[in-house]
C-alpha atoms as a PDB file:
ATOM      1  CA  MET A   1     101.701 -65.233 -34.022  1.00  0.00           C
ATOM      2  CA  ALA A   2      99.882 -62.136 -32.731  1.00  0.00           C
ATOM      3  CA  ASP A   3      97.742 -62.035 -35.814  1.00  0.00           C
ATOM      4  CA  GLN A   4      96.844 -65.682 -35.502  1.00  0.00           C
ATOM      5  CA  SER A   5      95.798 -65.226 -31.865  1.00  0.00           C
ATOM      6  CA  GLY A   6      93.700 -62.274 -32.818  1.00  0.00           C
ATOM      7  CA  ASP A   7      91.919 -64.280 -35.562  1.00  0.00           C
ATOM      8  CA  THR A   8      91.226 -67.076 -33.081  1.00  0.00           C
ATOM      9  CA  SER A   9      89.807 -64.656 -30.566  1.00  0.00           C
ATOM     10  CA  ARG A  10      87.532 -63.115 -33.216  1.00  0.00           C
ATOM     11  CA  LYS A  11      86.405 -66.529 -34.380  1.00  0.00           C
ATOM     12  CA  SER A  12      85.582 -67.716 -30.849  1.00  0.00           C
ATOM     13  CA  SER A  13      83.654 -64.499 -30.142  1.00  0.00           C
ATOM     14  CA  SER A  14      81.731 -64.746 -33.313  1.00  0.00           C
ATOM     15  CA  LYS A  15      80.476 -68.174 -32.247  1.00  0.00           C
ATOM     16  CA  ILE A  16      78.720 -66.769 -29.152  1.00  0.00           C
ATOM     17  CA  VAL A  17      75.116 -66.518 -30.331  1.00  0.00           C
ATOM     18  CA  ASP A  18      72.038 -65.568 -28.262  1.00  0.00           C
ATOM     19  CA  ASN A  19      69.842 -68.627 -28.553  1.00  0.00           C
ATOM     20  CA  SER A  20      67.338 -67.741 -25.843  1.00  0.00           C
ATOM     21  CA  LYS A  21      63.739 -68.136 -26.803  1.00  0.00           C
ATOM     22  CA  CYS A  22      60.396 -66.568 -25.880  1.00  0.00           C
ATOM     23  CA  ALA A  23      58.813 -68.649 -23.018  1.00  0.00           C
ATOM     24  CA  VAL A  24      55.467 -68.609 -24.862  1.00  0.00           C
ATOM     25  CA  CYS A  25      55.934 -68.827 -28.580  1.00  0.00           C
ATOM     26  CA  LYS A  26      59.467 -70.295 -28.442  1.00  0.00           C
ATOM     27  CA  LYS A  27      60.817 -68.056 -31.114  1.00  0.00           C
ATOM     28  CA  LEU A  28      64.410 -66.711 -30.847  1.00  0.00           C
ATOM     29  CA  LEU A  29      64.481 -63.508 -28.878  1.00  0.00           C
ATOM     30  CA  ARG A  30      67.379 -62.199 -30.887  1.00  0.00           C
ATOM     31  CA  ARG A  31      64.839 -61.261 -33.543  1.00  0.00           C
ATOM     32  CA  TRP A  32      63.819 -58.378 -31.366  1.00  0.00           C
ATOM     33  CA  PRO A  33      66.000 -55.613 -29.719  1.00  0.00           C
ATOM     34  CA  ARG A  34      66.382 -56.007 -25.927  1.00  0.00           C
ATOM     35  CA  SER A  35      64.049 -53.090 -25.359  1.00  0.00           C
ATOM     36  CA  GLU A  36      61.220 -55.187 -26.801  1.00  0.00           C
ATOM     37  CA  ARG A  37      61.789 -58.203 -24.574  1.00  0.00           C
ATOM     38  CA  ARG A  38      59.790 -58.486 -21.372  1.00  0.00           C
ATOM     39  CA  SER A  39      60.731 -60.299 -18.188  1.00  0.00           C
ATOM     40  CA  ILE A  40      58.380 -62.214 -15.848  1.00  0.00           C
ATOM     41  CA  LYS A  41      59.014 -60.511 -12.596  1.00  0.00           C
ATOM     42  CA  SER A  42      56.521 -61.860 -10.106  1.00  0.00           C
ATOM     43  CA  GLU A  43      55.155 -65.274  -8.993  1.00  0.00           C
ATOM     44  CA  GLN A  44      51.554 -64.159  -9.634  1.00  0.00           C
ATOM     45  CA  LEU A  45      52.341 -63.098 -13.200  1.00  0.00           C
ATOM     46  CA  ALA A  46      54.177 -66.350 -13.883  1.00  0.00           C
ATOM     47  CA  ARG A  47      51.210 -68.336 -12.547  1.00  0.00           C
ATOM     48  CA  ASP A  48      48.710 -66.313 -14.589  1.00  0.00           C
ATOM     49  CA  ALA A  49      50.787 -66.519 -17.732  1.00  0.00           C
ATOM     50  CA  SER A  50      51.311 -70.273 -17.280  1.00  0.00           C
ATOM     51  CA  ARG A  51      47.590 -70.892 -16.898  1.00  0.00           C
ATOM     52  CA  LEU A  52      46.359 -68.532 -19.515  1.00  0.00           C
ATOM     53  CA  MET A  53      48.966 -69.474 -22.202  1.00  0.00           C
ATOM     54  CA  ASN A  54      49.143 -73.144 -21.318  1.00  0.00           C
ATOM     55  CA  ARG A  55      52.914 -73.012 -20.836  1.00  0.00           C
ATOM     56  CA  ASN A  56      55.346 -73.607 -17.986  1.00  0.00           C
ATOM     57  CA  ILE A  57      56.556 -70.072 -17.337  1.00  0.00           C
ATOM     58  CA  GLN A  58      58.879 -69.224 -14.439  1.00  0.00           C
ATOM     59  CA  ILE A  59      60.043 -66.022 -12.793  1.00  0.00           C
ATOM     60  CA  ASN A  60      62.870 -64.260 -14.789  1.00  0.00           C
ATOM     61  CA  ASP A  61      61.755 -65.997 -18.032  1.00  0.00           C
ATOM     62  CA  PHE A  62      61.700 -63.640 -21.067  1.00  0.00           C
ATOM     63  CA  VAL A  63      58.848 -63.288 -23.521  1.00  0.00           C
ATOM     64  CA  CYS A  64      58.629 -61.264 -26.713  1.00  0.00           C
ATOM     65  CA  ARG A  65      56.485 -58.141 -26.613  1.00  0.00           C
ATOM     66  CA  PHE A  66      53.743 -59.740 -28.732  1.00  0.00           C
ATOM     67  CA  CYS A  67      53.274 -62.563 -26.244  1.00  0.00           C
ATOM     68  CA  HIS A  68      53.489 -60.162 -23.328  1.00  0.00           C
ATOM     69  CA  SER A  69      50.714 -58.105 -24.956  1.00  0.00           C
ATOM     70  CA  LYS A  70      48.619 -61.270 -25.278  1.00  0.00           C
ATOM     71  CA  ILE A  71      49.221 -62.199 -21.610  1.00  0.00           C
ATOM     72  CA  SER A  72      48.214 -58.719 -20.464  1.00  0.00           C
ATOM     73  CA  ALA A  73      45.044 -58.729 -22.609  1.00  0.00           C
ATOM     74  CA  LYS A  74      43.970 -62.149 -21.306  1.00  0.00           C
ATOM     75  CA  ILE A  75      44.503 -61.035 -17.688  1.00  0.00           C
ATOM     76  CA  SER A  76      42.578 -57.881 -18.170  1.00  0.00           C
ATOM     77  CA  LYS A  77      39.726 -59.744 -19.914  1.00  0.00           C
ATOM     78  CA  GLU A  78      39.630 -62.278 -16.981  1.00  0.00           C
ATOM     79  CA  LYS A  79      39.380 -59.516 -14.437  1.00  0.00           C
ATOM     80  CA  LYS A  80      36.547 -57.801 -16.262  1.00  0.00           C
ATOM     81  CA  GLN A  81      34.685 -61.143 -16.420  1.00  0.00           C
ATOM     82  CA  GLN A  82      35.094 -61.643 -12.723  1.00  0.00           C
ATOM     83  CA  GLN A  83      33.773 -58.095 -12.063  1.00  0.00           C
ATOM     84  CA  GLN A  84      30.746 -58.727 -14.224  1.00  0.00           C
ATOM     85  CA  GLN A  85      30.037 -62.009 -12.513  1.00  0.00           C
ATOM     86  CA  GLN A  86      30.243 -60.363  -9.037  1.00  0.00           C
ATOM     87  CA  LEU A  87      27.882 -57.613 -10.276  1.00  0.00           C
ATOM     88  CA  SER A  88      25.463 -60.098 -11.718  1.00  0.00           C
ATOM     89  CA  LEU A  89      25.535 -62.029  -8.498  1.00  0.00           C
ATOM     90  CA  SER A  90      24.825 -58.869  -6.468  1.00  0.00           C
ATOM     91  CA  LYS A  91      21.996 -57.984  -8.817  1.00  0.00           C
ATOM     92  CA  SER A  92      20.553 -61.530  -8.389  1.00  0.00           C
ATOM     93  CA  GLU A  93      20.767 -61.349  -4.600  1.00  0.00           C
ATOM     94  CA  MET A  94      18.814 -58.110  -4.719  1.00  0.00           C
ATOM     95  CA  ALA A  95      16.070 -59.702  -6.957  1.00  0.00           C
ATOM     96  CA  THR A  96      15.710 -62.750  -4.682  1.00  0.00           C
ATOM     97  CA  SER A  97      16.025 -60.964  -1.330  1.00  0.00           C
ATOM     98  CA  GLU A  98      12.915 -60.317   0.776  1.00  0.00           C
ATOM     99  CA  PRO A  99      11.401 -56.851   0.312  1.00  0.00           C
ATOM    100  CA  SER A 100      12.412 -54.300   2.941  1.00  0.00           C
ATOM    101  CA  SER A 101      10.250 -54.276   6.051  1.00  0.00           C
ATOM    102  CA  SER A 102      10.419 -50.463   6.136  1.00  0.00           C
ATOM    103  CA  THR A 103       7.017 -50.079   4.392  1.00  0.00           C
ATOM    104  CA  THR A 104       5.351 -52.569   6.650  1.00  0.00           C
ATOM    105  CA  THR A 105       6.921 -50.875   9.709  1.00  0.00           C
ATOM    106  CA  THR A 106       5.815 -47.382   8.611  1.00  0.00           C
ATOM    107  CA  THR A 107       2.273 -48.584   7.910  1.00  0.00           C
ATOM    108  CA  SER A 108       2.088 -50.285  11.293  1.00  0.00           C
ATOM    109  CA  THR A 109       3.447 -47.196  13.102  1.00  0.00           C
ATOM    110  CA  MET A 110       0.909 -44.984  11.294  1.00  0.00           C
ATOM    111  CA  GLU A 111      -1.889 -47.281  12.327  1.00  0.00           C
ATOM    112  CA  LYS A 112      -0.754 -47.244  15.955  1.00  0.00           C
ATOM    113  CA  GLU A 113      -0.470 -43.497  16.031  1.00  0.00           C
ATOM    114  CA  ASN A 114      -3.985 -43.063  14.578  1.00  0.00           C
ATOM    115  CA  CYS A 115      -5.319 -45.275  17.431  1.00  0.00           C
ATOM    116  CA  LEU A 116      -3.615 -43.062  20.091  1.00  0.00           C
ATOM    117  CA  PRO A 117      -5.395 -40.223  21.875  1.00  0.00           C
ATOM    118  CA  ASP A 118      -5.063 -36.795  20.383  1.00  0.00           C
ATOM    119  CA  ASN A 119      -2.791 -35.521  23.190  1.00  0.00           C
ATOM    120  CA  VAL A 120      -0.385 -38.469  22.806  1.00  0.00           C
ATOM    121  CA  GLN A 121      -0.242 -37.927  18.962  1.00  0.00           C
ATOM    122  CA  GLN A 122       0.565 -34.270  19.485  1.00  0.00           C
ATOM    123  CA  GLN A 123       3.339 -35.102  21.924  1.00  0.00           C
ATOM    124  CA  SER A 124       4.836 -37.650  19.486  1.00  0.00           C
ATOM    125  CA  SER A 125       4.732 -34.927  16.781  1.00  0.00           C
ATOM    126  CA  GLU A 126       6.614 -32.495  18.997  1.00  0.00           C
ATOM    127  CA  GLU A 127       9.278 -35.117  19.850  1.00  0.00           C
ATOM    128  CA  SER A 128       9.759 -35.801  16.159  1.00  0.00           C
ATOM    129  CA  SER A 129      10.189 -32.092  15.479  1.00  0.00           C
ATOM    130  CA  SER A 130      12.735 -31.800  18.344  1.00  0.00           C
ATOM    131  CA  SER A 131      14.620 -34.746  17.096  1.00  0.00           C
ATOM    132  CA  SER A 132      14.771 -33.238  13.572  1.00  0.00           C
ATOM    133  CA  ASP A 133      16.224 -29.956  15.046  1.00  0.00           C
ATOM    134  CA  GLU A 134      18.880 -32.028  16.876  1.00  0.00           C
ATOM    135  CA  SER A 135      19.724 -33.813  13.673  1.00  0.00           C
ATOM    136  CA  ASP A 136      20.305 -30.532  11.946  1.00  0.00           C
ATOM    137  CA  ASP A 137      22.666 -29.413  14.726  1.00  0.00           C
ATOM    138  CA  ASN A 138      24.584 -32.698  14.476  1.00  0.00           C
ATOM    139  CA  TYR A 139      24.882 -32.325  10.746  1.00  0.00           C
ATOM    140  CA  ASN A 140      26.940 -29.203  11.212  1.00  0.00           C
ATOM    141  CA  ASP A 141      29.166 -30.776  13.809  1.00  0.00           C
ATOM    142  CA  PRO A 142      32.621 -31.918  12.261  1.00  0.00           C
ATOM    143  CA  SER A 143      32.700 -34.926  14.584  1.00  0.00           C
ATOM    144  CA  TYR A 144      29.249 -36.135  13.495  1.00  0.00           C
ATOM    145  CA  LYS A 145      29.042 -39.443  11.543  1.00  0.00           C
ATOM    146  CA  ALA A 146      25.955 -39.953   9.326  1.00  0.00           C
ATOM    147  CA  PRO A 147      23.697 -42.653  10.732  1.00  0.00           C
ATOM    148  CA  ILE A 148      23.189 -45.864   8.702  1.00  0.00           C
ATOM    149  CA  SER A 149      19.741 -47.174   8.290  1.00  0.00           C
ATOM    150  CA  VAL A 150      19.534 -50.675   9.631  1.00  0.00           C
ATOM    151  CA  GLU A 151      16.672 -51.255   7.074  1.00  0.00           C
ATOM    152  CA  GLU A 152      18.791 -50.678   4.015  1.00  0.00           C
ATOM    153  CA  LYS A 153      20.581 -53.785   2.844  1.00  0.00           C
ATOM    154  CA  LYS A 154      24.021 -53.207   1.294  1.00  0.00           C
ATOM    155  CA  TYR A 155      25.801 -55.162  -1.352  1.00  0.00           C
ATOM    156  CA  GLU A 156      29.550 -55.546  -1.787  1.00  0.00           C
ATOM    157  CA  VAL A 157      30.855 -54.463  -5.289  1.00  0.00           C
ATOM    158  CA  PRO A 158      34.380 -54.453  -6.665  1.00  0.00           C
ATOM    159  CA  TYR A 159      34.959 -50.757  -6.762  1.00  0.00           C
ATOM    160  CA  SER A 160      37.550 -48.704  -4.850  1.00  0.00           C
ATOM    161  CA  ARG A 161      36.520 -46.143  -2.162  1.00  0.00           C
ATOM    162  CA  PRO A 162      38.066 -43.545   0.105  1.00  0.00           C
ATOM    163  CA  VAL A 163      37.442 -43.287   3.815  1.00  0.00           C
ATOM    164  CA  ALA A 164      33.750 -42.933   4.773  1.00  0.00           C
ATOM    165  CA  THR A 165      33.537 -39.951   7.080  1.00  0.00           C
ATOM    166  CA  HIS A 166      31.458 -36.819   7.801  1.00  0.00           C
ATOM    167  CA  GLY A 167      33.929 -35.384  10.343  1.00  0.00           C
ATOM    168  CA  TYR A 168      36.775 -34.311   8.110  1.00  0.00           C
ATOM    169  CA  CYS A 169      37.733 -33.810   4.458  1.00  0.00           C
ATOM    170  CA  PHE A 170      38.035 -37.320   2.898  1.00  0.00           C
ATOM    171  CA  ILE A 171      40.848 -35.955   0.623  1.00  0.00           C
ATOM    172  CA  CYS A 172      43.175 -33.916   2.878  1.00  0.00           C
ATOM    173  CA  SER A 173      41.672 -34.646   6.380  1.00  0.00           C
ATOM    174  CA  LYS A 174      41.083 -30.992   7.248  1.00  0.00           C
ATOM    175  CA  THR A 175      38.152 -30.167   9.453  1.00  0.00           C
ATOM    176  CA  GLU A 176      37.372 -26.567   8.456  1.00  0.00           C
ATOM    177  CA  ASN A 177      35.523 -24.971   5.565  1.00  0.00           C
ATOM    178  CA  LEU A 178      33.848 -28.257   4.551  1.00  0.00           C
ATOM    179  CA  LYS A 179      30.879 -29.026   2.235  1.00  0.00           C
ATOM    180  CA  ILE A 180      29.037 -32.334   1.749  1.00  0.00           C
ATOM    181  CA  ILE A 181      29.956 -33.672  -1.712  1.00  0.00           C
ATOM    182  CA  SER A 182      26.934 -33.756  -3.963  1.00  0.00           C
ATOM    183  CA  ILE A 183      25.504 -36.775  -5.744  1.00  0.00           C
ATOM    184  CA  GLN A 184      26.491 -35.086  -9.046  1.00  0.00           C
ATOM    185  CA  ALA A 185      30.171 -34.862  -7.894  1.00  0.00           C
ATOM    186  CA  ARG A 186      30.065 -38.479  -6.675  1.00  0.00           C
ATOM    187  CA  LEU A 187      28.724 -39.629 -10.024  1.00  0.00           C
ATOM    188  CA  ASP A 188      31.326 -37.649 -11.924  1.00  0.00           C
ATOM    189  CA  VAL A 189      34.196 -39.213  -9.966  1.00  0.00           C
ATOM    190  CA  PHE A 190      32.711 -42.721 -10.344  1.00  0.00           C
ATOM    191  CA  ARG A 191      32.329 -42.285 -14.114  1.00  0.00           C
ATOM    192  CA  LYS A 192      35.879 -40.960 -14.580  1.00  0.00           C
ATOM    193  CA  ARG A 193      37.805 -43.142 -12.126  1.00  0.00           C
ATOM    194  CA  LYS A 194      35.474 -45.893 -10.982  1.00  0.00           C
ATOM    195  CA  ILE A 195      35.901 -44.593  -7.419  1.00  0.00           C
ATOM    196  CA  PHE A 196      32.748 -44.688  -5.154  1.00  0.00           C
ATOM    197  CA  ILE A 197      32.556 -41.852  -2.670  1.00  0.00           C
ATOM    198  CA  PRO A 198      30.242 -42.718   0.269  1.00  0.00           C
ATOM    199  CA  ALA A 199      27.202 -40.544   0.894  1.00  0.00           C
ATOM    200  CA  ALA A 200      27.550 -37.735   3.340  1.00  0.00           C
ATOM    201  CA  ASN A 201      31.376 -37.459   2.822  1.00  0.00           C
ATOM    202  CA  ARG A 202      32.597 -33.859   3.124  1.00  0.00           C
ATOM    203  CA  CYS A 203      35.529 -32.204   1.526  1.00  0.00           C
ATOM    204  CA  CYS A 204      37.196 -28.752   1.539  1.00  0.00           C
ATOM    205  CA  LEU A 205      35.743 -26.100  -0.775  1.00  0.00           C
ATOM    206  CA  ASP A 206      39.236 -25.653  -2.255  1.00  0.00           C
ATOM    207  CA  HIS A 207      38.846 -29.087  -3.889  1.00  0.00           C
ATOM    208  CA  LEU A 208      35.629 -28.102  -5.722  1.00  0.00           C
ATOM    209  CA  ASN A 209      35.039 -26.110  -8.820  1.00  0.00           C
ATOM    210  CA  ASN A 210      33.337 -22.851  -7.870  1.00  0.00           C
ATOM    211  CA  GLU A 211      30.823 -23.026 -10.687  1.00  0.00           C
ATOM    212  CA  THR A 212      29.897 -26.721 -11.015  1.00  0.00           C
ATOM    213  CA  LEU A 213      30.693 -27.782  -7.430  1.00  0.00           C
ATOM    214  CA  LEU A 214      32.379 -30.941  -8.981  1.00  0.00           C
ATOM    215  CA  LEU A 215      35.766 -32.064  -7.913  1.00  0.00           C
ATOM    216  CA  ASN A 216      38.608 -30.502  -9.876  1.00  0.00           C
ATOM    217  CA  GLU A 217      40.429 -32.931 -12.184  1.00  0.00           C
ATOM    218  CA  ASN A 218      43.722 -32.612 -10.339  1.00  0.00           C
ATOM    219  CA  GLU A 219      41.872 -33.262  -7.009  1.00  0.00           C
ATOM    220  CA  ILE A 220      40.346 -36.523  -8.138  1.00  0.00           C
ATOM    221  CA  ASP A 221      43.900 -37.966  -8.581  1.00  0.00           C
ATOM    222  CA  LYS A 222      44.580 -37.034  -4.914  1.00  0.00           C
ATOM    223  CA  ILE A 223      41.773 -39.113  -3.486  1.00  0.00           C
ATOM    224  CA  PRO A 224      43.370 -41.615  -1.060  1.00  0.00           C
ATOM    225  CA  ILE A 225      41.944 -45.022  -1.583  1.00  0.00           C
ATOM    226  CA  VAL A 226      41.493 -47.151   1.545  1.00  0.00           C
ATOM    227  CA  MET A 227      39.578 -50.170   0.086  1.00  0.00           C
ATOM    228  CA  ASP A 228      39.459 -51.835  -3.249  1.00  0.00           C
ATOM    229  CA  ARG A 229      35.770 -52.847  -2.595  1.00  0.00           C
ATOM    230  CA  CYS A 230      32.811 -50.923  -1.430  1.00  0.00           C
ATOM    231  CA  GLU A 231      29.193 -51.433  -0.330  1.00  0.00           C
ATOM    232  CA  MET A 232      26.201 -49.918  -2.069  1.00  0.00           C
ATOM    233  CA  THR A 233      22.563 -49.861  -1.315  1.00  0.00           C
ATOM    234  CA  LYS A 234      20.085 -51.006  -4.003  1.00  0.00           C
ATOM    235  CA  LYS A 235      19.263 -47.338  -4.703  1.00  0.00           C
ATOM    236  CA  GLU A 236      22.925 -46.437  -5.092  1.00  0.00           C
ATOM    237  CA  MET A 237      23.488 -49.430  -7.448  1.00  0.00           C
ATOM    238  CA  ASP A 238      20.623 -48.288  -9.575  1.00  0.00           C
ATOM    239  CA  ILE A 239      22.206 -44.763  -9.747  1.00  0.00           C
ATOM    240  CA  PHE A 240      25.924 -45.703 -10.174  1.00  0.00           C
ATOM    241  CA  LEU A 241      25.896 -49.127 -11.869  1.00  0.00           C
ATOM    242  CA  PHE A 242      22.633 -49.365 -13.730  1.00  0.00           C
ATOM    243  CA  PRO A 243      21.660 -45.839 -14.834  1.00  0.00           C
ATOM    244  CA  ILE A 244      18.630 -45.544 -17.035  1.00  0.00           C
END
């Protein structure tokens, strides 16, 4: 009797078969080891997968690794296309926007100054020199924030950035032994990590390579990101996005 019950137990257990299927290709998942099955763990992923694969996919559904790779590739391709569209739109806005009034303003100012008496022109020149000296003093002040020209139009682009500050290190927030990060260092970070460091940002000398003054590789990974988008002037876009 014991042998018969054992045989019955073995027969019933042998009938339990995993018939679960991939939510995309509908093939039996038992063809792959469990380590090669992927679970849909978020609502966003379920929505994207359903839309891109034309299937009704729910949270906690399983897909085979091949279909999961297809889903990831389609999502990545879609994001890149969206970024390209946004960049094209920004470039189109620049092409159709009115030219900056800075040239006209400068010309008008020069004409007015030429019409002024000599003593007034000399006074204006002295005031300009004094203003320049004050600007140099402010530039060495840790609490100073670089002024933004109201004449420079900025365009929003889909690239991450750290905090925009001149008052402290944008990596570790220290306020001593700082140096303005160079355009070469900003370009190096952007090319390697697609992180845009705002102009006039300062960082500790400890973060910089002594010879090249570029950020050390391990320091780039420490940059705290505060925004997944940033704003660039036309000149910055020409340098960072459309280099010659």
